[in-house]
Protein backbone atom coordinates (compact mmCIF):
# COMPACT_ATOMS: atom_id res chain seq x y z
CA UNK A 1 0.00 0.00 0.00
CA UNK A 2 1.17 3.51 -0.71
CA UNK A 3 -0.09 5.09 2.48
CA UNK A 4 2.48 7.93 2.40
CA UNK A 5 1.53 8.85 -1.17
CA UNK A 6 -2.15 8.50 -0.34
CA UNK A 7 -1.87 10.70 2.75
CA UNK A 8 -2.14 14.01 0.86
CA UNK A 9 -5.49 13.20 -0.84
CA UNK A 10 -6.85 11.91 2.46
CA UNK A 11 -5.75 15.03 4.35
CA UNK A 12 -7.11 17.24 1.57
CA UNK A 13 -10.41 15.39 1.71
CA UNK A 14 -10.58 15.84 5.50
CA UNK A 15 -9.73 19.54 5.27
CA UNK A 16 -12.30 20.12 2.53
CA UNK A 17 -14.94 18.17 4.44
CA UNK A 18 -14.48 20.42 7.50
CA UNK A 19 -15.63 23.44 5.52
CA UNK A 20 -18.49 21.62 3.79
CA UNK A 21 -20.12 19.96 6.82
CA UNK A 22 -19.66 16.65 5.00
CA UNK A 23 -20.71 13.61 7.10
CA UNK A 24 -17.86 11.64 8.64
CA UNK A 25 -18.90 8.45 6.80
CA UNK A 26 -17.95 10.05 3.46
CA UNK A 27 -14.44 10.80 4.73
CA UNK A 28 -14.02 7.17 5.80
CA UNK A 29 -15.16 5.99 2.37
CA UNK A 30 -12.50 8.20 0.76
CA UNK A 31 -9.85 6.69 3.02
CA UNK A 32 -10.88 3.14 2.13
CA UNK A 33 -10.72 3.92 -1.58
CA UNK A 34 -7.41 5.76 -1.36
CA UNK A 35 -5.65 2.98 0.57
CA UNK A 36 -6.73 0.18 -1.80
CA UNK A 37 -3.88 -1.90 -3.16
CA UNK A 38 -2.73 -1.15 -6.68
CA UNK A 39 -2.16 -4.76 -7.71
CA UNK A 40 -0.36 -3.82 -10.93
CA UNK A 41 2.27 -1.75 -9.11
CA UNK A 42 2.54 -4.18 -6.19
CA UNK A 43 3.03 -7.16 -8.49
CA UNK A 44 5.59 -5.27 -10.57
CA UNK A 45 7.52 -4.37 -7.43
CA UNK A 46 7.49 -8.05 -6.37
CA UNK A 47 8.65 -9.19 -9.83
CA UNK A 48 11.42 -6.56 -9.92
CA UNK A 49 12.63 -7.47 -6.42
CA UNK A 50 12.75 -11.15 -7.35
CA UNK A 51 14.51 -10.36 -10.65
CA UNK A 52 17.12 -8.36 -8.75
CA UNK A 53 17.82 -11.28 -6.40
CA UNK A 54 18.05 -13.72 -9.32
CA UNK A 55 20.18 -11.28 -11.32
CA UNK A 56 22.76 -11.01 -8.53
CA UNK A 57 23.06 -14.78 -8.52
CA UNK A 58 22.91 -15.43 -12.27
CA UNK A 59 25.22 -12.82 -13.81
CA UNK A 60 28.50 -14.74 -13.73
CA UNK A 61 27.32 -18.33 -13.73
CA UNK A 62 24.42 -20.56 -14.54
CA UNK A 63 22.67 -21.01 -11.28
CA UNK A 64 20.72 -24.07 -10.28
CA UNK A 65 19.30 -22.06 -7.38
CA UNK A 66 16.71 -20.16 -9.44
CA UNK A 67 13.78 -22.14 -8.00
CA UNK A 68 14.97 -21.88 -4.37
CA UNK A 69 15.68 -18.15 -4.84
CA UNK A 70 12.26 -17.52 -6.35
CA UNK A 71 10.74 -19.63 -3.58
CA UNK A 72 12.50 -17.62 -0.87
CA UNK A 73 11.30 -14.36 -2.44
CA UNK A 74 7.78 -15.81 -2.44
CA UNK A 75 8.03 -16.25 1.33
CA UNK A 76 9.61 -12.82 1.90
CA UNK A 77 7.05 -10.96 -0.22
CA UNK A 78 4.07 -13.13 0.79
CA UNK A 79 3.07 -13.60 -2.82
CA UNK A 80 3.43 -16.49 -5.25
CA UNK A 81 6.00 -15.57 -7.89
CA UNK A 82 7.12 -17.64 -10.86
CA UNK A 83 8.81 -17.20 -14.21
CA UNK A 84 7.35 -18.93 -17.25
CA UNK A 85 8.24 -19.05 -20.92
CA UNK A 86 7.05 -20.47 -24.21
CA UNK A 87 10.71 -21.53 -24.72
CA UNK A 88 11.81 -22.66 -21.24
CA UNK A 89 15.25 -23.69 -20.12
CA UNK A 90 13.68 -25.85 -17.42
CA UNK A 91 10.48 -27.68 -18.40
CA UNK A 92 9.01 -26.70 -15.00
CA UNK A 93 8.90 -23.12 -16.32
CA UNK A 94 6.72 -23.94 -19.35
CA UNK A 95 3.88 -21.45 -19.69
CA UNK A 96 0.33 -22.80 -19.58
CA UNK A 97 -2.14 -21.79 -22.31
CA UNK A 98 -3.29 -18.63 -20.48
CA UNK A 99 0.30 -17.53 -19.82
CA UNK A 100 1.30 -18.36 -23.41
CA UNK A 101 -1.48 -16.09 -24.67
CA UNK A 102 -0.07 -13.23 -22.57
CA UNK A 103 3.44 -13.90 -23.88
CA UNK A 104 2.12 -13.72 -27.44
CA UNK A 105 0.27 -10.46 -26.71
CA UNK A 106 3.45 -8.98 -25.20
CA UNK A 107 5.45 -10.03 -28.29
CA UNK A 108 2.88 -8.38 -30.55
CA UNK A 109 3.10 -5.15 -28.51
CA UNK A 110 6.88 -5.05 -28.86
CA UNK A 111 6.63 -5.76 -32.60
CA UNK A 112 4.43 -2.63 -32.90
CA UNK A 113 7.04 -0.61 -31.00
CA UNK A 114 4.91 -0.48 -27.84
CA UNK A 115 5.94 -1.44 -24.33
CA UNK A 116 3.97 -4.47 -23.10
CA UNK A 117 1.47 -3.47 -20.45
CA UNK A 118 1.04 -5.74 -17.41
CA UNK A 119 -2.13 -7.77 -17.27
CA UNK A 120 -3.87 -8.08 -13.88
CA UNK A 121 -6.79 -10.44 -13.44
CA UNK A 122 -8.65 -12.21 -10.70
CA UNK A 123 -8.11 -15.98 -10.79
CA UNK A 124 -9.53 -18.27 -8.10
CA UNK A 125 -10.05 -15.40 -5.67
CA UNK A 126 -6.51 -14.03 -6.02
CA UNK A 127 -5.16 -11.12 -8.03
CA UNK A 128 -2.66 -12.38 -10.60
CA UNK A 129 -0.27 -10.08 -12.44
CA UNK A 130 1.49 -11.00 -15.69
CA UNK A 131 4.63 -8.96 -16.47
CA UNK A 132 6.80 -9.33 -19.58
CA UNK A 133 10.41 -10.44 -19.20
CA UNK A 134 12.27 -8.53 -21.90
CA UNK A 135 15.82 -9.45 -22.85
CA UNK A 136 18.73 -7.08 -22.48
CA UNK A 137 22.44 -7.44 -23.22
CA UNK A 138 23.17 -9.32 -19.98
CA UNK A 139 20.39 -11.86 -20.72
CA UNK A 140 22.07 -12.76 -24.01
CA UNK A 141 25.05 -14.28 -22.18
CA UNK A 142 22.80 -17.27 -21.46
CA UNK A 143 19.80 -16.72 -23.75
CA UNK A 144 21.36 -15.25 -26.90
CA UNK A 145 22.52 -16.85 -30.12
CA UNK A 146 24.56 -20.04 -29.73
CA UNK A 147 28.29 -19.65 -30.50
CA UNK A 148 27.84 -15.89 -30.82
CA UNK A 149 26.47 -14.41 -27.60
CA UNK A 150 26.90 -17.48 -25.39
CA UNK A 151 30.48 -18.44 -24.52
CA UNK A 152 31.41 -22.10 -25.18
CA UNK A 153 31.93 -22.89 -21.46
CA UNK A 154 28.54 -21.37 -20.64
CA UNK A 155 26.86 -23.33 -23.44
CA UNK A 156 28.50 -26.52 -22.20
CA UNK A 157 27.16 -25.93 -18.69
CA UNK A 158 23.66 -25.15 -20.04
CA UNK A 159 23.62 -28.35 -22.11
CA UNK A 160 24.84 -30.36 -19.13
CA UNK A 161 22.25 -28.97 -16.71
CA UNK A 162 19.36 -28.53 -19.16
CA UNK A 163 19.65 -31.03 -22.02
CA UNK A 164 16.21 -30.03 -23.35
CA UNK A 165 16.89 -26.28 -23.17
CA UNK A 166 14.83 -24.12 -25.54
CA UNK A 167 15.70 -20.73 -24.01
CA UNK A 168 18.33 -19.55 -26.50
CA UNK A 169 18.35 -17.64 -29.78
CA UNK A 170 17.09 -14.35 -28.36
CA UNK A 171 18.22 -10.84 -29.30
CA UNK A 172 17.95 -7.70 -27.21
CA UNK A 173 14.48 -6.30 -26.56
CA UNK A 174 12.52 -9.52 -27.09
CA UNK A 175 9.94 -11.10 -24.81
CA UNK A 176 11.55 -14.16 -23.24
CA UNK A 177 8.65 -15.01 -20.97
CA UNK A 178 6.80 -13.47 -18.10
CA UNK A 179 6.62 -13.10 -14.38
CA UNK A 180 3.43 -14.40 -12.85
CA UNK A 181 2.73 -12.79 -9.47
CA UNK A 182 -0.20 -14.13 -7.46
CA UNK A 183 -1.32 -11.82 -4.65
CA UNK A 184 -3.90 -12.20 -1.92
CA UNK A 185 -6.98 -10.16 -2.69
CA UNK A 186 -7.94 -7.52 -0.12
């Protein structure tokens, strides 16, 4: 919740209501509305925090700890967070049909020169955010073109750990998958 950011509208509403003899119930309604969770921003913050933790651990080596790291961030942030792809390195990260549809939509947005917009929806009583994972130069060290972007020793390690890897061949600014952030609904 962004209570500090929401404080000004709430205070303004209280100050205005003093001069208008507005009933106290209306002020309380304003407070409830202003302190509602912005699921899109909250989910994005969770995805970015998790990406930062993974990034610190993945930059110089292929890391088999991606699942435990994502899992630990899930506990810290009290939200379910996972990465999925239509071309996964680990089969456990294969996108389901709903997630694949979002990946395709994000790819189409980028192809039009637009930034993919997060998709937030209610699923089984929880708010679920879908956020594009877009490749950058660092990503290409493990997800770029074989024998061009990926060093031979890195490629060897990838093939050893993930013999059915499909997560290569990307260029910069492409959708590689998405973060799926499941949040409790308030």
